[in-house]
């Protein structure tokens, strides 16, 4: 079945507001992954490498986005953020 796409964010923000919005979203996603890892692997000695890799990817992306936002602050410019959510049905 074909998926559906929904507009999530499509707006121009000050660098400060963009930093707050993106940090909030990324931190929520990181918190979700960390919590799920703890729940799914409670009592185990380690978290699977693929889960740790995804958390590291999110942390790296947030770091890179913060660098871009710093450039916007230096240049005294706004940032346009455009994001969408795609939903696809996947057979079990």
PDB file of N, CA and C in Angstrom:
ATOM      1  N   UNK A   1       0.841  -1.177   0.000  1.00  0.00           N
ATOM      2  CA  UNK A   1       0.000   0.000   0.000  1.00  0.00           C
ATOM      3  C   UNK A   1       0.886   1.240   0.000  1.00  0.00           C
ATOM      4  N   UNK A   2       0.491   2.226  -0.785  1.00  0.00           N
ATOM      5  CA  UNK A   2       1.261   3.453  -0.882  1.00  0.00           C
ATOM      6  C   UNK A   2       1.118   4.277   0.393  1.00  0.00           C
ATOM      7  N   UNK A   3       2.208   4.911   0.781  1.00  0.00           N
ATOM      8  CA  UNK A   3       2.201   5.698   2.001  1.00  0.00           C
ATOM      9  C   UNK A   3       1.586   7.069   1.810  1.00  0.00           C
ATOM     10  N   UNK A   4       1.464   7.761   2.895  1.00  0.00           N
ATOM     11  CA  UNK A   4       0.937   9.126   2.878  1.00  0.00           C
ATOM     12  C   UNK A   4       1.969  10.054   3.487  1.00  0.00           C
ATOM     13  N   UNK A   5       1.981  11.268   2.984  1.00  0.00           N
ATOM     14  CA  UNK A   5       2.917  12.271   3.472  1.00  0.00           C
ATOM     15  C   UNK A   5       2.127  13.441   4.048  1.00  0.00           C
ATOM     16  N   UNK A   6       2.607  13.944   5.185  1.00  0.00           N
ATOM     17  CA  UNK A   6       1.956  15.047   5.871  1.00  0.00           C
ATOM     18  C   UNK A   6       2.985  16.135   6.140  1.00  0.00           C
ATOM     19  N   UNK A   7       2.597  17.368   5.864  1.00  0.00           N
ATOM     20  CA  UNK A   7       3.470  18.492   6.184  1.00  0.00           C
ATOM     21  C   UNK A   7       3.537  18.627   7.702  1.00  0.00           C
ATOM     22  N   UNK A   8       4.734  18.759   8.228  1.00  0.00           N
ATOM     23  CA  UNK A   8       4.918  18.863   9.673  1.00  0.00           C
ATOM     24  C   UNK A   8       5.324  20.289  10.050  1.00  0.00           C
ATOM     25  N   UNK A   9       6.379  20.779   9.413  1.00  0.00           N
ATOM     26  CA  UNK A   9       6.844  22.142   9.660  1.00  0.00           C
ATOM     27  C   UNK A   9       7.123  22.773   8.303  1.00  0.00           C
ATOM     28  N   UNK A  10       6.686  23.992   8.111  1.00  0.00           N
ATOM     29  CA  UNK A  10       6.972  24.742   6.887  1.00  0.00           C
ATOM     30  C   UNK A  10       6.855  26.224   7.238  1.00  0.00           C
ATOM     31  N   UNK A  11       7.931  26.764   7.822  1.00  0.00           N
ATOM     32  CA  UNK A  11       7.869  28.124   8.326  1.00  0.00           C
ATOM     33  C   UNK A  11       9.272  28.703   8.458  1.00  0.00           C
ATOM     34  N   UNK A  12       9.350  30.017   8.488  1.00  0.00           N
ATOM     35  CA  UNK A  12      10.624  30.697   8.731  1.00  0.00           C
ATOM     36  C   UNK A  12      10.695  31.111  10.196  1.00  0.00           C
ATOM     37  N   UNK A  13      11.854  30.877  10.787  1.00  0.00           N
ATOM     38  CA  UNK A  13      12.057  31.123  12.212  1.00  0.00           C
ATOM     39  C   UNK A  13      13.313  31.956  12.424  1.00  0.00           C
ATOM     40  N   UNK A  14      13.329  32.692  13.520  1.00  0.00           N
ATOM     41  CA  UNK A  14      14.588  33.314  13.936  1.00  0.00           C
ATOM     42  C   UNK A  14      15.546  32.179  14.291  1.00  0.00           C
ATOM     43  N   UNK A  15      16.825  32.478  14.301  1.00  0.00           N
ATOM     44  CA  UNK A  15      17.807  31.441  14.641  1.00  0.00           C
ATOM     45  C   UNK A  15      17.551  30.892  16.042  1.00  0.00           C
ATOM     46  N   UNK A  16      17.176  31.771  16.966  1.00  0.00           N
ATOM     47  CA  UNK A  16      16.922  31.334  18.341  1.00  0.00           C
ATOM     48  C   UNK A  16      15.714  30.398  18.412  1.00  0.00           C
ATOM     49  N   UNK A  17      14.638  30.779  17.714  1.00  0.00           N
ATOM     50  CA  UNK A  17      13.445  29.927  17.720  1.00  0.00           C
ATOM     51  C   UNK A  17      13.701  28.604  17.003  1.00  0.00           C
ATOM     52  N   UNK A  18      14.462  28.659  15.916  1.00  0.00           N
ATOM     53  CA  UNK A  18      14.808  27.427  15.196  1.00  0.00           C
ATOM     54  C   UNK A  18      15.621  26.503  16.094  1.00  0.00           C
ATOM     55  N   UNK A  19      16.571  27.079  16.827  1.00  0.00           N
ATOM     56  CA  UNK A  19      17.389  26.275  17.741  1.00  0.00           C
ATOM     57  C   UNK A  19      16.520  25.613  18.796  1.00  0.00           C
ATOM     58  N   UNK A  20      15.588  26.371  19.355  1.00  0.00           N
ATOM     59  CA  UNK A  20      14.708  25.823  20.390  1.00  0.00           C
ATOM     60  C   UNK A  20      13.818  24.716  19.822  1.00  0.00           C
ATOM     61  N   UNK A  21      13.203  24.970  18.678  1.00  0.00           N
ATOM     62  CA  UNK A  21      12.309  23.984  18.064  1.00  0.00           C
ATOM     63  C   UNK A  21      13.046  22.690  17.730  1.00  0.00           C
ATOM     64  N   UNK A  22      14.154  22.811  17.037  1.00  0.00           N
ATOM     65  CA  UNK A  22      14.881  21.616  16.600  1.00  0.00           C
ATOM     66  C   UNK A  22      15.473  20.872  17.788  1.00  0.00           C
ATOM     67  N   UNK A  23      16.022  21.596  18.746  1.00  0.00           N
ATOM     68  CA  UNK A  23      16.565  20.930  19.936  1.00  0.00           C
ATOM     69  C   UNK A  23      15.476  20.169  20.676  1.00  0.00           C
ATOM     70  N   UNK A  24      14.304  20.779  20.790  1.00  0.00           N
ATOM     71  CA  UNK A  24      13.192  20.119  21.476  1.00  0.00           C
ATOM     72  C   UNK A  24      12.796  18.830  20.760  1.00  0.00           C
ATOM     73  N   UNK A  25      12.680  18.893  19.442  1.00  0.00           N
ATOM     74  CA  UNK A  25      12.293  17.705  18.669  1.00  0.00           C
ATOM     75  C   UNK A  25      13.356  16.609  18.751  1.00  0.00           C
ATOM     76  N   UNK A  26      14.618  16.988  18.553  1.00  0.00           N
ATOM     77  CA  UNK A  26      15.687  15.988  18.601  1.00  0.00           C
ATOM     78  C   UNK A  26      15.838  15.399  19.998  1.00  0.00           C
ATOM     79  N   UNK A  27      15.732  16.228  21.019  1.00  0.00           N
ATOM     80  CA  UNK A  27      15.851  15.711  22.382  1.00  0.00           C
ATOM     81  C   UNK A  27      14.723  14.743  22.709  1.00  0.00           C
ATOM     82  N   UNK A  28      13.521  15.025  22.215  1.00  0.00           N
ATOM     83  CA  UNK A  28      12.403  14.095  22.428  1.00  0.00           C
ATOM     84  C   UNK A  28      12.675  12.767  21.727  1.00  0.00           C
ATOM     85  N   UNK A  29      13.214  12.829  20.520  1.00  0.00           N
ATOM     86  CA  UNK A  29      13.528  11.603  19.773  1.00  0.00           C
ATOM     87  C   UNK A  29      14.641  10.822  20.469  1.00  0.00           C
ATOM     88  N   UNK A  30      15.663  11.514  20.927  1.00  0.00           N
ATOM     89  CA  UNK A  30      16.752  10.847  21.651  1.00  0.00           C
ATOM     90  C   UNK A  30      16.247  10.223  22.946  1.00  0.00           C
ATOM     91  N   UNK A  31      15.408  10.950  23.665  1.00  0.00           N
ATOM     92  CA  UNK A  31      14.843  10.416  24.903  1.00  0.00           C
ATOM     93  C   UNK A  31      14.024   9.154  24.617  1.00  0.00           C
ATOM     94  N   UNK A  32      13.249   9.184  23.545  1.00  0.00           N
ATOM     95  CA  UNK A  32      12.454   8.012  23.155  1.00  0.00           C
ATOM     96  C   UNK A  32      13.363   6.809  22.891  1.00  0.00           C
ATOM     97  N   UNK A  33      14.405   7.006  22.085  1.00  0.00           N
ATOM     98  CA  UNK A  33      15.315   5.899  21.764  1.00  0.00           C
ATOM     99  C   UNK A  33      16.027   5.384  23.010  1.00  0.00           C
ATOM    100  N   UNK A  34      16.484   6.281  23.850  1.00  0.00           N
ATOM    101  CA  UNK A  34      17.168   5.857  25.078  1.00  0.00           C
ATOM    102  C   UNK A  34      16.232   5.076  25.993  1.00  0.00           C
ATOM    103  N   UNK A  35      15.008   5.574  26.153  1.00  0.00           N
ATOM    104  CA  UNK A  35      14.040   4.893  27.015  1.00  0.00           C
ATOM    105  C   UNK A  35      13.684   3.514  26.445  1.00  0.00           C
ATOM    106  N   UNK A  36      13.440   3.443  25.141  1.00  0.00           N
ATOM    107  CA  UNK A  36      13.099   2.164  24.513  1.00  0.00           C
ATOM    108  C   UNK A  36      14.249   1.165  24.650  1.00  0.00           C
ATOM    109  N   UNK A  37      15.466   1.643  24.502  1.00  0.00           N
ATOM    110  CA  UNK A  37      16.625   0.760  24.654  1.00  0.00           C
ATOM    111  C   UNK A  37      16.687   0.192  26.060  1.00  0.00           C
ATOM    112  N   UNK A  38      16.445   1.043  27.051  1.00  0.00           N
ATOM    113  CA  UNK A  38      16.469   0.567  28.436  1.00  0.00           C
ATOM    114  C   UNK A  38      15.347  -0.433  28.698  1.00  0.00           C
ATOM    115  N   UNK A  39      14.152  -0.141  28.196  1.00  0.00           N
ATOM    116  CA  UNK A  39      13.012  -1.040  28.397  1.00  0.00           C
ATOM    117  C   UNK A  39      13.237  -2.367  27.682  1.00  0.00           C
ATOM    118  N   UNK A  40      13.661  -2.291  26.427  1.00  0.00           N
ATOM    119  CA  UNK A  40      13.816  -3.501  25.614  1.00  0.00           C
ATOM    120  C   UNK A  40      14.977  -4.381  26.049  1.00  0.00           C
ATOM    121  N   UNK A  41      15.950  -3.795  26.712  1.00  0.00           N
ATOM    122  CA  UNK A  41      17.161  -4.556  27.045  1.00  0.00           C
ATOM    123  C   UNK A  41      17.459  -4.529  28.537  1.00  0.00           C
ATOM    124  N   UNK A  42      16.418  -4.353  29.335  1.00  0.00           N
ATOM    125  CA  UNK A  42      16.573  -4.339  30.785  1.00  0.00           C
ATOM    126  C   UNK A  42      17.169  -5.667  31.245  1.00  0.00           C
ATOM    127  N   UNK A  43      18.154  -5.581  32.088  1.00  0.00           N
ATOM    128  CA  UNK A  43      18.793  -6.781  32.610  1.00  0.00           C
ATOM    129  C   UNK A  43      19.907  -7.317  31.729  1.00  0.00           C
ATOM    130  N   UNK A  44      20.042  -6.779  30.526  1.00  0.00           N
ATOM    131  CA  UNK A  44      21.127  -7.207  29.647  1.00  0.00           C
ATOM    132  C   UNK A  44      22.334  -6.307  29.881  1.00  0.00           C
ATOM    133  N   UNK A  45      23.492  -6.830  29.534  1.00  0.00           N
ATOM    134  CA  UNK A  45      24.718  -6.088  29.800  1.00  0.00           C
ATOM    135  C   UNK A  45      24.988  -4.993  28.778  1.00  0.00           C
ATOM    136  N   UNK A  46      24.398  -5.108  27.584  1.00  0.00           N
ATOM    137  CA  UNK A  46      24.681  -4.099  26.566  1.00  0.00           C
ATOM    138  C   UNK A  46      23.465  -3.864  25.676  1.00  0.00           C
ATOM    139  N   UNK A  47      23.501  -2.729  25.016  1.00  0.00           N
ATOM    140  CA  UNK A  47      22.464  -2.354  24.057  1.00  0.00           C
ATOM    141  C   UNK A  47      22.995  -2.715  22.673  1.00  0.00           C
ATOM    142  N   UNK A  48      22.156  -3.288  21.806  1.00  0.00           N
ATOM    143  CA  UNK A  48      22.614  -3.677  20.467  1.00  0.00           C
ATOM    144  C   UNK A  48      23.251  -2.510  19.705  1.00  0.00           C
ATOM    145  N   UNK A  49      24.244  -2.852  18.903  1.00  0.00           N
ATOM    146  CA  UNK A  49      25.021  -1.850  18.175  1.00  0.00           C
ATOM    147  C   UNK A  49      24.159  -0.996  17.252  1.00  0.00           C
ATOM    148  N   UNK A  50      23.139  -1.582  16.624  1.00  0.00           N
ATOM    149  CA  UNK A  50      22.320  -0.791  15.702  1.00  0.00           C
ATOM    150  C   UNK A  50      21.530   0.292  16.434  1.00  0.00           C
ATOM    151  N   UNK A  51      21.106   0.012  17.644  1.00  0.00           N
ATOM    152  CA  UNK A  51      20.393   1.020  18.435  1.00  0.00           C
ATOM    153  C   UNK A  51      21.350   2.120  18.889  1.00  0.00           C
ATOM    154  N   UNK A  52      22.536   1.732  19.313  1.00  0.00           N
ATOM    155  CA  UNK A  52      23.539   2.729  19.702  1.00  0.00           C
ATOM    156  C   UNK A  52      23.942   3.589  18.508  1.00  0.00           C
ATOM    157  N   UNK A  53      24.024   2.955  17.335  1.00  0.00           N
ATOM    158  CA  UNK A  53      24.378   3.683  16.111  1.00  0.00           C
ATOM    159  C   UNK A  53      23.322   4.736  15.798  1.00  0.00           C
ATOM    160  N   UNK A  54      22.049   4.386  15.914  1.00  0.00           N
ATOM    161  CA  UNK A  54      20.973   5.340  15.613  1.00  0.00           C
ATOM    162  C   UNK A  54      21.015   6.519  16.581  1.00  0.00           C
ATOM    163  N   UNK A  55      21.253   6.250  17.848  1.00  0.00           N
ATOM    164  CA  UNK A  55      21.354   7.327  18.835  1.00  0.00           C
ATOM    165  C   UNK A  55      22.526   8.246  18.488  1.00  0.00           C
ATOM    166  N   UNK A  56      23.650   7.662  18.113  1.00  0.00           N
ATOM    167  CA  UNK A  56      24.825   8.454  17.736  1.00  0.00           C
ATOM    168  C   UNK A  56      24.544   9.286  16.482  1.00  0.00           C
ATOM    169  N   UNK A  57      23.809   8.719  15.523  1.00  0.00           N
ATOM    170  CA  UNK A  57      23.453   9.464  14.307  1.00  0.00           C
ATOM    171  C   UNK A  57      22.590  10.678  14.640  1.00  0.00           C
ATOM    172  N   UNK A  58      21.637  10.495  15.525  1.00  0.00           N
ATOM    173  CA  UNK A  58      20.778  11.610  15.930  1.00  0.00           C
ATOM    174  C   UNK A  58      21.579  12.692  16.646  1.00  0.00           C
ATOM    175  N   UNK A  59      22.488  12.275  17.526  1.00  0.00           N
ATOM    176  CA  UNK A  59      23.327  13.237  18.245  1.00  0.00           C
ATOM    177  C   UNK A  59      24.218  14.011  17.277  1.00  0.00           C
ATOM    178  N   UNK A  60      24.776  13.322  16.287  1.00  0.00           N
ATOM    179  CA  UNK A  60      25.629  13.967  15.290  1.00  0.00           C
ATOM    180  C   UNK A  60      24.814  14.936  14.430  1.00  0.00           C
ATOM    181  N   UNK A  61      23.620  14.533  14.029  1.00  0.00           N
ATOM    182  CA  UNK A  61      22.762  15.413  13.232  1.00  0.00           C
ATOM    183  C   UNK A  61      22.426  16.682  14.013  1.00  0.00           C
ATOM    184  N   UNK A  62      22.102  16.536  15.280  1.00  0.00           N
ATOM    185  CA  UNK A  62      21.779  17.700  16.104  1.00  0.00           C
ATOM    186  C   UNK A  62      22.982  18.628  16.226  1.00  0.00           C
ATOM    187  N   UNK A  63      24.159  18.060  16.379  1.00  0.00           N
ATOM    188  CA  UNK A  63      25.387  18.862  16.452  1.00  0.00           C
ATOM    189  C   UNK A  63      25.572  19.661  15.161  1.00  0.00           C
ATOM    190  N   UNK A  64      25.391  19.005  14.015  1.00  0.00           N
ATOM    191  CA  UNK A  64      25.553  19.677  12.724  1.00  0.00           C
ATOM    192  C   UNK A  64      24.493  20.756  12.512  1.00  0.00           C
ATOM    193  N   UNK A  65      23.277  20.488  12.924  1.00  0.00           N
ATOM    194  CA  UNK A  65      22.206  21.483  12.802  1.00  0.00           C
ATOM    195  C   UNK A  65      22.513  22.691  13.679  1.00  0.00           C
ATOM    196  N   UNK A  66      23.010  22.456  14.867  1.00  0.00           N
ATOM    197  CA  UNK A  66      23.366  23.573  15.761  1.00  0.00           C
ATOM    198  C   UNK A  66      24.454  24.451  15.142  1.00  0.00           C
ATOM    199  N   UNK A  67      25.387  23.828  14.412  1.00  0.00           N
ATOM    200  CA  UNK A  67      26.429  24.598  13.726  1.00  0.00           C
ATOM    201  C   UNK A  67      25.815  25.492  12.649  1.00  0.00           C
ATOM    202  N   UNK A  68      24.850  24.955  11.901  1.00  0.00           N
ATOM    203  CA  UNK A  68      24.172  25.746  10.872  1.00  0.00           C
ATOM    204  C   UNK A  68      23.381  26.893  11.501  1.00  0.00           C
ATOM    205  N   UNK A  69      22.749  26.624  12.614  1.00  0.00           N
ATOM    206  CA  UNK A  69      21.986  27.667  13.304  1.00  0.00           C
ATOM    207  C   UNK A  69      22.927  28.754  13.815  1.00  0.00           C
ATOM    208  N   UNK A  70      24.107  28.366  14.267  1.00  0.00           N
ATOM    209  CA  UNK A  70      25.099  29.359  14.702  1.00  0.00           C
ATOM    210  C   UNK A  70      25.485  30.281  13.550  1.00  0.00           C
ATOM    211  N   UNK A  71      25.602  29.710  12.348  1.00  0.00           N
ATOM    212  CA  UNK A  71      25.897  30.534  11.167  1.00  0.00           C
ATOM    213  C   UNK A  71      24.766  31.528  10.908  1.00  0.00           C
ATOM    214  N   UNK A  72      23.540  31.075  11.060  1.00  0.00           N
ATOM    215  CA  UNK A  72      22.395  31.969  10.861  1.00  0.00           C
ATOM    216  C   UNK A  72      22.427  33.108  11.875  1.00  0.00           C
ATOM    217  N   UNK A  73      22.803  32.794  13.108  1.00  0.00           N
ATOM    218  CA  UNK A  73      22.905  33.845  14.135  1.00  0.00           C
ATOM    219  C   UNK A  73      23.985  34.851  13.755  1.00  0.00           C
ATOM    220  N   UNK A  74      25.153  34.348  13.314  1.00  0.00           N
ATOM    221  CA  UNK A  74      26.258  35.222  12.920  1.00  0.00           C
ATOM    222  C   UNK A  74      25.859  36.129  11.759  1.00  0.00           C
ATOM    223  N   UNK A  75      25.090  35.580  10.824  1.00  0.00           N
ATOM    224  CA  UNK A  75      24.675  36.332   9.629  1.00  0.00           C
ATOM    225  C   UNK A  75      23.409  37.151   9.861  1.00  0.00           C
ATOM    226  N   UNK A  76      22.844  37.023  11.049  1.00  0.00           N
ATOM    227  CA  UNK A  76      21.608  37.730  11.398  1.00  0.00           C
ATOM    228  C   UNK A  76      20.497  37.428  10.386  1.00  0.00           C
ATOM    229  N   UNK A  77      20.309  36.143  10.108  1.00  0.00           N
ATOM    230  CA  UNK A  77      19.289  35.715   9.151  1.00  0.00           C
ATOM    231  C   UNK A  77      18.287  34.789   9.826  1.00  0.00           C
ATOM    232  N   UNK A  78      17.158  34.655   9.172  1.00  0.00           N
ATOM    233  CA  UNK A  78      16.161  33.682   9.607  1.00  0.00           C
ATOM    234  C   UNK A  78      16.470  32.346   8.946  1.00  0.00           C
ATOM    235  N   UNK A  79      15.824  31.313   9.429  1.00  0.00           N
ATOM    236  CA  UNK A  79      15.952  29.975   8.842  1.00  0.00           C
ATOM    237  C   UNK A  79      14.565  29.475   8.465  1.00  0.00           C
ATOM    238  N   UNK A  80      14.466  28.919   7.273  1.00  0.00           N
ATOM    239  CA  UNK A  80      13.207  28.283   6.874  1.00  0.00           C
ATOM    240  C   UNK A  80      13.358  26.787   7.128  1.00  0.00           C
ATOM    241  N   UNK A  81      12.463  26.260   7.920  1.00  0.00           N
ATOM    242  CA  UNK A  81      12.474  24.828   8.235  1.00  0.00           C
ATOM    243  C   UNK A  81      11.285  24.198   7.536  1.00  0.00           C
ATOM    244  N   UNK A  82      11.562  23.158   6.784  1.00  0.00           N
ATOM    245  CA  UNK A  82      10.503  22.417   6.101  1.00  0.00           C
ATOM    246  C   UNK A  82      10.700  20.945   6.420  1.00  0.00           C
ATOM    247  N   UNK A  83       9.675  20.354   6.956  1.00  0.00           N
ATOM    248  CA  UNK A  83       9.760  18.952   7.363  1.00  0.00           C
ATOM    249  C   UNK A  83       8.420  18.290   7.109  1.00  0.00           C
ATOM    250  N   UNK A  84       8.478  17.020   6.789  1.00  0.00           N
ATOM    251  CA  UNK A  84       7.241  16.267   6.588  1.00  0.00           C
ATOM    252  C   UNK A  84       7.359  14.921   7.282  1.00  0.00           C
ATOM    253  N   UNK A  85       6.225  14.297   7.435  1.00  0.00           N
ATOM    254  CA  UNK A  85       6.164  12.960   8.022  1.00  0.00           C
ATOM    255  C   UNK A  85       5.551  12.036   6.986  1.00  0.00           C
ATOM    256  N   UNK A  86       6.234  10.944   6.710  1.00  0.00           N
ATOM    257  CA  UNK A  86       5.720   9.931   5.786  1.00  0.00           C
ATOM    258  C   UNK A  86       5.268   8.726   6.586  1.00  0.00           C
ATOM    259  N   UNK A  87       4.079   8.254   6.288  1.00  0.00           N
ATOM    260  CA  UNK A  87       3.553   7.046   6.923  1.00  0.00           C
ATOM    261  C   UNK A  87       3.364   5.984   5.853  1.00  0.00           C
ATOM    262  N   UNK A  88       3.972   4.840   6.076  1.00  0.00           N
ATOM    263  CA  UNK A  88       3.867   3.718   5.149  1.00  0.00           C
ATOM    264  C   UNK A  88       3.462   2.476   5.915  1.00  0.00           C
ATOM    265  N   UNK A  89       2.552   1.722   5.343  1.00  0.00           N
ATOM    266  CA  UNK A  89       2.154   0.457   5.949  1.00  0.00           C
ATOM    267  C   UNK A  89       3.171  -0.605   5.563  1.00  0.00           C
ATOM    268  N   UNK A  90       3.636  -1.354   6.565  1.00  0.00           N
ATOM    269  CA  UNK A  90       4.624  -2.412   6.352  1.00  0.00           C
ATOM    270  C   UNK A  90       4.016  -3.715   6.841  1.00  0.00           C
ATOM    271  N   UNK A  91       3.920  -4.698   5.975  1.00  0.00           N
ATOM    272  CA  UNK A  91       3.358  -5.982   6.420  1.00  0.00           C
ATOM    273  C   UNK A  91       4.206  -6.586   7.535  1.00  0.00           C
ATOM    274  N   UNK A  92       3.533  -7.259   8.462  1.00  0.00           N
ATOM    275  CA  UNK A  92       4.248  -7.907   9.573  1.00  0.00           C
ATOM    276  C   UNK A  92       4.926  -9.161   9.099  1.00  0.00           C
TER     277      UNK A  92
END
